[in-house]
Amino acid sequence: MLRLNVILIVVTVACALGAVASQHEARKLFHELEREQERMRQLEVEWGQLQLEQSTWAAHGRIERIARERLRMQTPAQGQMIAVEPPGGGN
């Protein structure tokens, strides 16, 4: 009977230690998940800012102004324009 009690106590202690270890691991993984979700939110904000910046840099008016001012480009005269049709009649 004493032997059975010792075995049951050892099994109970082992189960308790296993439960504590698994709870600790679960808490650690949950903390890591929250940290990665926060990082994801930060990256989404940065992505939105980069898209806004890209749209600003690629704005038609800005491109045209730079072409005129820095590159000294200008719209060609009517006689200088040539229309090119794609092969097959533009289908």
PDB file of N, CA and C in Angstrom:
ATOM      1  N   MET A   1       0.817  -1.193   0.000  1.00  0.00           N
ATOM      2  CA  MET A   1       0.000   0.000   0.000  1.00  0.00           C
ATOM      3  C   MET A   1       0.866   1.264   0.000  1.00  0.00           C
ATOM      4  N   LEU A   2       1.932   1.247   0.789  1.00  0.00           N
ATOM      5  CA  LEU A   2       2.847   2.386   0.834  1.00  0.00           C
ATOM      6  C   LEU A   2       3.487   2.614  -0.534  1.00  0.00           C
ATOM      7  N   ARG A   3       3.810   1.544  -1.180  1.00  0.00           N
ATOM      8  CA  ARG A   3       4.427   1.615  -2.511  1.00  0.00           C
ATOM      9  C   ARG A   3       3.458   2.274  -3.512  1.00  0.00           C
ATOM     10  N   LEU A   4       2.198   1.909  -3.457  1.00  0.00           N
ATOM     11  CA  LEU A   4       1.179   2.480  -4.347  1.00  0.00           C
ATOM     12  C   LEU A   4       1.016   3.971  -4.090  1.00  0.00           C
ATOM     13  N   ASN A   5       1.019   4.369  -2.818  1.00  0.00           N
ATOM     14  CA  ASN A   5       0.908   5.790  -2.468  1.00  0.00           C
ATOM     15  C   ASN A   5       2.098   6.591  -2.997  1.00  0.00           C
ATOM     16  N   VAL A   6       3.277   6.052  -2.888  1.00  0.00           N
ATOM     17  CA  VAL A   6       4.480   6.735  -3.394  1.00  0.00           C
ATOM     18  C   VAL A   6       4.389   6.895  -4.913  1.00  0.00           C
ATOM     19  N   ILE A   7       3.969   5.834  -5.583  1.00  0.00           N
ATOM     20  CA  ILE A   7       3.825   5.899  -7.054  1.00  0.00           C
ATOM     21  C   ILE A   7       2.782   6.951  -7.441  1.00  0.00           C
ATOM     22  N   LEU A   8       1.651   6.973  -6.731  1.00  0.00           N
ATOM     23  CA  LEU A   8       0.606   7.966  -7.030  1.00  0.00           C
ATOM     24  C   LEU A   8       1.086   9.393  -6.757  1.00  0.00           C
ATOM     25  N   ILE A   9       1.861   9.586  -5.708  1.00  0.00           N
ATOM     26  CA  ILE A   9       2.398  10.922  -5.412  1.00  0.00           C
ATOM     27  C   ILE A   9       3.379  11.344  -6.506  1.00  0.00           C
ATOM     28  N   VAL A  10       4.257  10.445  -6.933  1.00  0.00           N
ATOM     29  CA  VAL A  10       5.222  10.757  -7.994  1.00  0.00           C
ATOM     30  C   VAL A  10       4.498  11.104  -9.292  1.00  0.00           C
ATOM     31  N   VAL A  11       3.468  10.314  -9.632  1.00  0.00           N
ATOM     32  CA  VAL A  11       2.695  10.585 -10.852  1.00  0.00           C
ATOM     33  C   VAL A  11       1.976  11.924 -10.738  1.00  0.00           C
ATOM     34  N   THR A  12       1.409  12.220  -9.569  1.00  0.00           N
ATOM     35  CA  THR A  12       0.700  13.490  -9.362  1.00  0.00           C
ATOM     36  C   THR A  12       1.664  14.672  -9.483  1.00  0.00           C
ATOM     37  N   VAL A  13       2.826  14.565  -8.886  1.00  0.00           N
ATOM     38  CA  VAL A  13       3.823  15.644  -8.975  1.00  0.00           C
ATOM     39  C   VAL A  13       4.286  15.819 -10.420  1.00  0.00           C
ATOM     40  N   ALA A  14       4.507  14.727 -11.119  1.00  0.00           N
ATOM     41  CA  ALA A  14       4.934  14.811 -12.524  1.00  0.00           C
ATOM     42  C   ALA A  14       3.854  15.484 -13.368  1.00  0.00           C
ATOM     43  N   CYS A  15       2.587  15.128 -13.135  1.00  0.00           N
ATOM     44  CA  CYS A  15       1.488  15.764 -13.885  1.00  0.00           C
ATOM     45  C   CYS A  15       1.398  17.254 -13.571  1.00  0.00           C
ATOM     46  N   ALA A  16       1.565  17.610 -12.294  1.00  0.00           N
ATOM     47  CA  ALA A  16       1.511  19.022 -11.897  1.00  0.00           C
ATOM     48  C   ALA A  16       2.644  19.808 -12.558  1.00  0.00           C
ATOM     49  N   LEU A  17       3.847  19.235 -12.563  1.00  0.00           N
ATOM     50  CA  LEU A  17       4.978  19.917 -13.215  1.00  0.00           C
ATOM     51  C   LEU A  17       4.750  20.048 -14.720  1.00  0.00           C
ATOM     52  N   GLY A  18       4.177  19.022 -15.315  1.00  0.00           N
ATOM     53  CA  GLY A  18       3.858  19.098 -16.745  1.00  0.00           C
ATOM     54  C   GLY A  18       2.841  20.182 -17.040  1.00  0.00           C
ATOM     55  N   ALA A  19       1.822  20.312 -16.180  1.00  0.00           N
ATOM     56  CA  ALA A  19       0.801  21.349 -16.363  1.00  0.00           C
ATOM     57  C   ALA A  19       1.414  22.737 -16.226  1.00  0.00           C
ATOM     58  N   VAL A  20       2.290  22.908 -15.232  1.00  0.00           N
ATOM     59  CA  VAL A  20       2.949  24.204 -15.032  1.00  0.00           C
ATOM     60  C   VAL A  20       3.824  24.541 -16.234  1.00  0.00           C
ATOM     61  N   ALA A  21       4.572  23.572 -16.729  1.00  0.00           N
ATOM     62  CA  ALA A  21       5.456  23.814 -17.879  1.00  0.00           C
ATOM     63  C   ALA A  21       4.652  24.166 -19.123  1.00  0.00           C
ATOM     64  N   SER A  22       3.547  23.456 -19.350  1.00  0.00           N
ATOM     65  CA  SER A  22       2.749  23.746 -20.549  1.00  0.00           C
ATOM     66  C   SER A  22       2.059  25.100 -20.439  1.00  0.00           C
ATOM     67  N   GLN A  23       1.637  25.480 -19.218  1.00  0.00           N
ATOM     68  CA  GLN A  23       1.035  26.806 -19.035  1.00  0.00           C
ATOM     69  C   GLN A  23       2.064  27.903 -19.285  1.00  0.00           C
ATOM     70  N   HIS A  24       3.260  27.689 -18.797  1.00  0.00           N
ATOM     71  CA  HIS A  24       4.334  28.667 -19.026  1.00  0.00           C
ATOM     72  C   HIS A  24       4.619  28.819 -20.517  1.00  0.00           C
ATOM     73  N   GLU A  25       4.690  27.708 -21.209  1.00  0.00           N
ATOM     74  CA  GLU A  25       4.939  27.746 -22.661  1.00  0.00           C
ATOM     75  C   GLU A  25       3.804  28.458 -23.393  1.00  0.00           C
ATOM     76  N   ALA A  26       2.564  28.189 -22.972  1.00  0.00           N
ATOM     77  CA  ALA A  26       1.408  28.836 -23.604  1.00  0.00           C
ATOM     78  C   ALA A  26       1.449  30.339 -23.394  1.00  0.00           C
ATOM     79  N   ARG A  27       1.792  30.770 -22.183  1.00  0.00           N
ATOM     80  CA  ARG A  27       1.876  32.217 -21.909  1.00  0.00           C
ATOM     81  C   ARG A  27       2.988  32.867 -22.718  1.00  0.00           C
ATOM     82  N   LYS A  28       4.100  32.179 -22.827  1.00  0.00           N
ATOM     83  CA  LYS A  28       5.229  32.701 -23.608  1.00  0.00           C
ATOM     84  C   LYS A  28       4.843  32.849 -25.080  1.00  0.00           C
ATOM     85  N   LEU A  29       4.177  31.841 -25.630  1.00  0.00           N
ATOM     86  CA  LEU A  29       3.756  31.898 -27.030  1.00  0.00           C
ATOM     87  C   LEU A  29       2.693  32.973 -27.248  1.00  0.00           C
ATOM     88  N   PHE A  30       1.791  33.153 -26.285  1.00  0.00           N
ATOM     89  CA  PHE A  30       0.770  34.190 -26.408  1.00  0.00           C
ATOM     90  C   PHE A  30       1.406  35.575 -26.407  1.00  0.00           C
ATOM     91  N   HIS A  31       2.397  35.767 -25.542  1.00  0.00           N
ATOM     92  CA  HIS A  31       3.115  37.049 -25.511  1.00  0.00           C
ATOM     93  C   HIS A  31       3.808  37.310 -26.851  1.00  0.00           C
ATOM     94  N   GLU A  32       4.422  36.281 -27.401  1.00  0.00           N
ATOM     95  CA  GLU A  32       5.083  36.414 -28.704  1.00  0.00           C
ATOM     96  C   GLU A  32       4.071  36.736 -29.802  1.00  0.00           C
ATOM     97  N   LEU A  33       2.907  36.102 -29.742  1.00  0.00           N
ATOM     98  CA  LEU A  33       1.843  36.385 -30.716  1.00  0.00           C
ATOM     99  C   LEU A  33       1.407  37.840 -30.636  1.00  0.00           C
ATOM    100  N   GLU A  34       1.197  38.351 -29.426  1.00  0.00           N
ATOM    101  CA  GLU A  34       0.798  39.754 -29.272  1.00  0.00           C
ATOM    102  C   GLU A  34       1.867  40.698 -29.807  1.00  0.00           C
ATOM    103  N   ARG A  35       3.125  40.374 -29.561  1.00  0.00           N
ATOM    104  CA  ARG A  35       4.227  41.214 -30.056  1.00  0.00           C
ATOM    105  C   ARG A  35       4.250  41.227 -31.586  1.00  0.00           C
ATOM    106  N   GLU A  36       4.048  40.076 -32.203  1.00  0.00           N
ATOM    107  CA  GLU A  36       4.043  40.002 -33.670  1.00  0.00           C
ATOM    108  C   GLU A  36       2.819  40.710 -34.262  1.00  0.00           C
ATOM    109  N   GLN A  37       1.685  40.646 -33.574  1.00  0.00           N
ATOM    110  CA  GLN A  37       0.503  41.367 -34.053  1.00  0.00           C
ATOM    111  C   GLN A  37       0.718  42.867 -33.987  1.00  0.00           C
ATOM    112  N   GLU A  38       1.394  43.347 -32.956  1.00  0.00           N
ATOM    113  CA  GLU A  38       1.717  44.770 -32.863  1.00  0.00           C
ATOM    114  C   GLU A  38       2.667  45.169 -33.982  1.00  0.00           C
ATOM    115  N   ARG A  39       3.631  44.326 -34.260  1.00  0.00           N
ATOM    116  CA  ARG A  39       4.567  44.588 -35.373  1.00  0.00           C
ATOM    117  C   ARG A  39       3.809  44.644 -36.691  1.00  0.00           C
ATOM    118  N   MET A  40       2.827  43.742 -36.861  1.00  0.00           N
ATOM    119  CA  MET A  40       2.018  43.727 -38.075  1.00  0.00           C
ATOM    120  C   MET A  40       1.247  45.045 -38.215  1.00  0.00           C
ATOM    121  N   ARG A  41       0.677  45.535 -37.104  1.00  0.00           N
ATOM    122  CA  ARG A  41      -0.054  46.813 -37.160  1.00  0.00           C
ATOM    123  C   ARG A  41       0.887  47.958 -37.545  1.00  0.00           C
ATOM    124  N   GLN A  42       2.095  47.954 -36.992  1.00  0.00           N
ATOM    125  CA  GLN A  42       3.070  48.997 -37.333  1.00  0.00           C
ATOM    126  C   GLN A  42       3.442  48.934 -38.811  1.00  0.00           C
ATOM    127  N   LEU A  43       3.619  47.724 -39.324  1.00  0.00           N
ATOM    128  CA  LEU A  43       3.963  47.576 -40.741  1.00  0.00           C
ATOM    129  C   LEU A  43       2.799  48.007 -41.642  1.00  0.00           C
ATOM    130  N   GLU A  44       1.566  47.764 -41.217  1.00  0.00           N
ATOM    131  CA  GLU A  44       0.414  48.209 -42.007  1.00  0.00           C
ATOM    132  C   GLU A  44       0.358  49.728 -42.065  1.00  0.00           C
ATOM    133  N   VAL A  45       0.655  50.392 -40.946  1.00  0.00           N
ATOM    134  CA  VAL A  45       0.689  51.861 -40.926  1.00  0.00           C
ATOM    135  C   VAL A  45       1.793  52.364 -41.847  1.00  0.00           C
ATOM    136  N   GLU A  46       2.966  51.744 -41.758  1.00  0.00           N
ATOM    137  CA  GLU A  46       4.085  52.152 -42.614  1.00  0.00           C
ATOM    138  C   GLU A  46       3.752  51.933 -44.087  1.00  0.00           C
ATOM    139  N   TRP A  47       3.085  50.813 -44.396  1.00  0.00           N
ATOM    140  CA  TRP A  47       2.685  50.526 -45.783  1.00  0.00           C
ATOM    141  C   TRP A  47       1.743  51.609 -46.298  1.00  0.00           C
ATOM    142  N   GLY A  48       0.787  52.007 -45.490  1.00  0.00           N
ATOM    143  CA  GLY A  48      -0.134  53.078 -45.886  1.00  0.00           C
ATOM    144  C   GLY A  48       0.604  54.381 -46.143  1.00  0.00           C
ATOM    145  N   GLN A  49       1.562  54.701 -45.286  1.00  0.00           N
ATOM    146  CA  GLN A  49       2.347  55.922 -45.473  1.00  0.00           C
ATOM    147  C   GLN A  49       3.176  55.852 -46.759  1.00  0.00           C
ATOM    148  N   LEU A  50       3.746  54.688 -47.029  1.00  0.00           N
ATOM    149  CA  LEU A  50       4.539  54.536 -48.256  1.00  0.00           C
ATOM    150  C   LEU A  50       3.665  54.639 -49.506  1.00  0.00           C
ATOM    151  N   GLN A  51       2.450  54.097 -49.448  1.00  0.00           N
ATOM    152  CA  GLN A  51       1.548  54.221 -50.594  1.00  0.00           C
ATOM    153  C   GLN A  51       1.183  55.678 -50.833  1.00  0.00           C
ATOM    154  N   LEU A  52       0.932  56.412 -49.749  1.00  0.00           N
ATOM    155  CA  LEU A  52       0.622  57.834 -49.878  1.00  0.00           C
ATOM    156  C   LEU A  52       1.806  58.590 -50.466  1.00  0.00           C
ATOM    157  N   GLU A  53       2.996  58.279 -49.983  1.00  0.00           N
ATOM    158  CA  GLU A  53       4.205  58.925 -50.500  1.00  0.00           C
ATOM    159  C   GLU A  53       4.401  58.610 -51.988  1.00  0.00           C
ATOM    160  N   GLN A  54       4.157  57.357 -52.360  1.00  0.00           N
ATOM    161  CA  GLN A  54       4.311  56.974 -53.759  1.00  0.00           C
ATOM    162  C   GLN A  54       3.318  57.730 -54.635  1.00  0.00           C
ATOM    163  N   SER A  55       2.083  57.847 -54.187  1.00  0.00           N
ATOM    164  CA  SER A  55       1.093  58.562 -54.998  1.00  0.00           C
ATOM    165  C   SER A  55       1.460  60.037 -55.125  1.00  0.00           C
ATOM    166  N   THR A  56       2.077  60.588 -54.070  1.00  0.00           N
ATOM    167  CA  THR A  56       2.508  61.987 -54.134  1.00  0.00           C
ATOM    168  C   THR A  56       3.637  62.158 -55.147  1.00  0.00           C
ATOM    169  N   TRP A  57       4.626  61.252 -55.097  1.00  0.00           N
ATOM    170  CA  TRP A  57       5.765  61.352 -56.008  1.00  0.00           C
ATOM    171  C   TRP A  57       5.353  61.107 -57.460  1.00  0.00           C
ATOM    172  N   ALA A  58       4.332  60.282 -57.673  1.00  0.00           N
ATOM    173  CA  ALA A  58       3.943  59.918 -59.027  1.00  0.00           C
ATOM    174  C   ALA A  58       2.791  60.764 -59.569  1.00  0.00           C
ATOM    175  N   ALA A  59       2.404  61.814 -58.855  1.00  0.00           N
ATOM    176  CA  ALA A  59       1.301  62.654 -59.303  1.00  0.00           C
ATOM    177  C   ALA A  59       1.619  63.260 -60.677  1.00  0.00           C
ATOM    178  N   HIS A  60       0.614  63.241 -61.561  1.00  0.00           N
ATOM    179  CA  HIS A  60       0.808  63.711 -62.939  1.00  0.00           C
ATOM    180  C   HIS A  60       1.319  65.154 -62.975  1.00  0.00           C
ATOM    181  N   GLY A  61       0.727  66.022 -62.167  1.00  0.00           N
ATOM    182  CA  GLY A  61       1.143  67.429 -62.155  1.00  0.00           C
ATOM    183  C   GLY A  61       2.584  67.604 -61.742  1.00  0.00           C
ATOM    184  N   ARG A  62       3.031  66.822 -60.772  1.00  0.00           N
ATOM    185  CA  ARG A  62       4.419  66.907 -60.318  1.00  0.00           C
ATOM    186  C   ARG A  62       5.377  66.441 -61.408  1.00  0.00           C
ATOM    187  N   ILE A  63       5.046  65.333 -62.060  1.00  0.00           N
ATOM    188  CA  ILE A  63       5.892  64.810 -63.136  1.00  0.00           C
ATOM    189  C   ILE A  63       5.981  65.824 -64.274  1.00  0.00           C
ATOM    190  N   GLU A  64       4.847  66.398 -64.622  1.00  0.00           N
ATOM    191  CA  GLU A  64       4.837  67.383 -65.722  1.00  0.00           C
ATOM    192  C   GLU A  64       5.656  68.611 -65.348  1.00  0.00           C
ATOM    193  N   ARG A  65       5.519  69.088 -64.101  1.00  0.00           N
ATOM    194  CA  ARG A  65       6.265  70.271 -63.667  1.00  0.00           C
ATOM    195  C   ARG A  65       7.771  69.993 -63.703  1.00  0.00           C
ATOM    196  N   ILE A  66       8.194  68.849 -63.230  1.00  0.00           N
ATOM    197  CA  ILE A  66       9.624  68.499 -63.249  1.00  0.00           C
ATOM    198  C   ILE A  66      10.116  68.383 -64.680  1.00  0.00           C
ATOM    199  N   ALA A  67       9.317  67.773 -65.549  1.00  0.00           N
ATOM    200  CA  ALA A  67       9.719  67.643 -66.955  1.00  0.00           C
ATOM    201  C   ALA A  67       9.919  69.017 -67.585  1.00  0.00           C
ATOM    202  N   ARG A  68       9.037  69.957 -67.273  1.00  0.00           N
ATOM    203  CA  ARG A  68       9.160  71.297 -67.858  1.00  0.00           C
ATOM    204  C   ARG A  68      10.315  72.090 -67.245  1.00  0.00           C
ATOM    205  N   GLU A  69      10.423  72.065 -65.903  1.00  0.00           N
ATOM    206  CA  GLU A  69      11.404  72.913 -65.227  1.00  0.00           C
ATOM    207  C   GLU A  69      12.827  72.348 -65.293  1.00  0.00           C
ATOM    208  N   ARG A  70      12.987  71.106 -64.896  1.00  0.00           N
ATOM    209  CA  ARG A  70      14.338  70.546 -64.809  1.00  0.00           C
ATOM    210  C   ARG A  70      14.849  70.021 -66.141  1.00  0.00           C
ATOM    211  N   LEU A  71      13.974  69.369 -66.892  1.00  0.00           N
ATOM    212  CA  LEU A  71      14.409  68.749 -68.142  1.00  0.00           C
ATOM    213  C   LEU A  71      14.139  69.626 -69.362  1.00  0.00           C
ATOM    214  N   ARG A  72      13.484  70.748 -69.140  1.00  0.00           N
ATOM    215  CA  ARG A  72      13.150  71.701 -70.193  1.00  0.00           C
ATOM    216  C   ARG A  72      12.373  71.028 -71.338  1.00  0.00           C
ATOM    217  N   MET A  73      11.473  70.133 -70.972  1.00  0.00           N
ATOM    218  CA  MET A  73      10.639  69.458 -71.971  1.00  0.00           C
ATOM    219  C   MET A  73       9.417  70.321 -72.240  1.00  0.00           C
ATOM    220  N   GLN A  74       8.863  70.175 -73.416  1.00  0.00           N
ATOM    221  CA  GLN A  74       7.657  70.912 -73.768  1.00  0.00           C
ATOM    222  C   GLN A  74       6.805  70.068 -74.708  1.00  0.00           C
ATOM    223  N   THR A  75       5.546  70.393 -74.771  1.00  0.00           N
ATOM    224  CA  THR A  75       4.632  69.668 -75.636  1.00  0.00           C
ATOM    225  C   THR A  75       5.024  69.924 -77.090  1.00  0.00           C
ATOM    226  N   PRO A  76       5.121  68.879 -77.911  1.00  0.00           N
ATOM    227  CA  PRO A  76       5.500  69.084 -79.312  1.00  0.00           C
ATOM    228  C   PRO A  76       4.397  69.821 -80.077  1.00  0.00           C
ATOM    229  N   ALA A  77       4.811  70.519 -81.104  1.00  0.00           N
ATOM    230  CA  ALA A  77       3.849  71.229 -81.963  1.00  0.00           C
ATOM    231  C   ALA A  77       3.007  70.201 -82.711  1.00  0.00           C
ATOM    232  N   GLN A  78       1.879  70.626 -83.226  1.00  0.00           N
ATOM    233  CA  GLN A  78       0.946  69.720 -83.895  1.00  0.00           C
ATOM    234  C   GLN A  78       1.610  68.967 -85.053  1.00  0.00           C
ATOM    235  N   GLY A  79       2.440  69.595 -85.804  1.00  0.00           N
ATOM    236  CA  GLY A  79       3.097  68.954 -86.934  1.00  0.00           C
ATOM    237  C   GLY A  79       4.190  67.970 -86.527  1.00  0.00           C
ATOM    238  N   GLN A  80       4.627  68.014 -85.288  1.00  0.00           N
ATOM    239  CA  GLN A  80       5.680  67.125 -84.812  1.00  0.00           C
ATOM    240  C   GLN A  80       5.148  65.808 -84.229  1.00  0.00           C
ATOM    241  N   MET A  81       3.850  65.703 -84.079  1.00  0.00           N
ATOM    242  CA  MET A  81       3.268  64.497 -83.482  1.00  0.00           C
ATOM    243  C   MET A  81       2.985  63.452 -84.539  1.00  0.00           C
ATOM    244  N   ILE A  82       3.269  62.203 -84.215  1.00  0.00           N
ATOM    245  CA  ILE A  82       3.006  61.075 -85.109  1.00  0.00           C
ATOM    246  C   ILE A  82       2.188  60.051 -84.329  1.00  0.00           C
ATOM    247  N   ALA A  83       1.078  59.643 -84.894  1.00  0.00           N
ATOM    248  CA  ALA A  83       0.246  58.621 -84.250  1.00  0.00           C
ATOM    249  C   ALA A  83       0.697  57.258 -84.747  1.00  0.00           C
ATOM    250  N   VAL A  84       0.948  56.344 -83.843  1.00  0.00           N
ATOM    251  CA  VAL A  84       1.391  54.993 -84.193  1.00  0.00           C
ATOM    252  C   VAL A  84       0.262  54.034 -83.849  1.00  0.00           C
ATOM    253  N   GLU A  85      -0.188  53.291 -84.841  1.00  0.00           N
ATOM    254  CA  GLU A  85      -1.258  52.313 -84.632  1.00  0.00           C
ATOM    255  C   GLU A  85      -0.635  50.974 -84.287  1.00  0.00           C
ATOM    256  N   PRO A  86      -1.212  50.268 -83.343  1.00  0.00           N
ATOM    257  CA  PRO A  86      -0.687  48.928 -83.032  1.00  0.00           C
ATOM    258  C   PRO A  86      -0.985  47.961 -84.169  1.00  0.00           C
ATOM    259  N   PRO A  87      -0.177  46.921 -84.320  1.00  0.00           N
ATOM    260  CA  PRO A  87      -0.419  45.957 -85.404  1.00  0.00           C
ATOM    261  C   PRO A  87      -1.796  45.293 -85.208  1.00  0.00           C
ATOM    262  N   GLY A  88      -2.486  45.036 -86.276  1.00  0.00           N
ATOM    263  CA  GLY A  88      -3.785  44.381 -86.221  1.00  0.00           C
ATOM    264  C   GLY A  88      -4.937  45.356 -86.062  1.00  0.00           C
ATOM    265  N   GLY A  89      -4.736  46.598 -86.207  1.00  0.00           N
ATOM    266  CA  GLY A  89      -5.824  47.568 -86.186  1.00  0.00           C
ATOM    267  C   GLY A  89      -6.282  47.972 -84.798  1.00  0.00           C
ATOM    268  N   GLY A  90      -5.514  47.660 -83.765  1.00  0.00           N
ATOM    269  CA  GLY A  90      -5.845  48.152 -82.422  1.00  0.00           C
ATOM    270  C   GLY A  90      -6.836  47.309 -81.680  1.00  0.00           C
ATOM    271  N   ASN A  91      -7.010  46.041 -82.045  1.00  0.00           N
ATOM    272  CA  ASN A  91      -7.951  45.181 -81.328  1.00  0.00           C
ATOM    273  C   ASN A  91      -7.448  44.810 -79.998  1.00  0.00           C
TER     274      ASN A  91
END
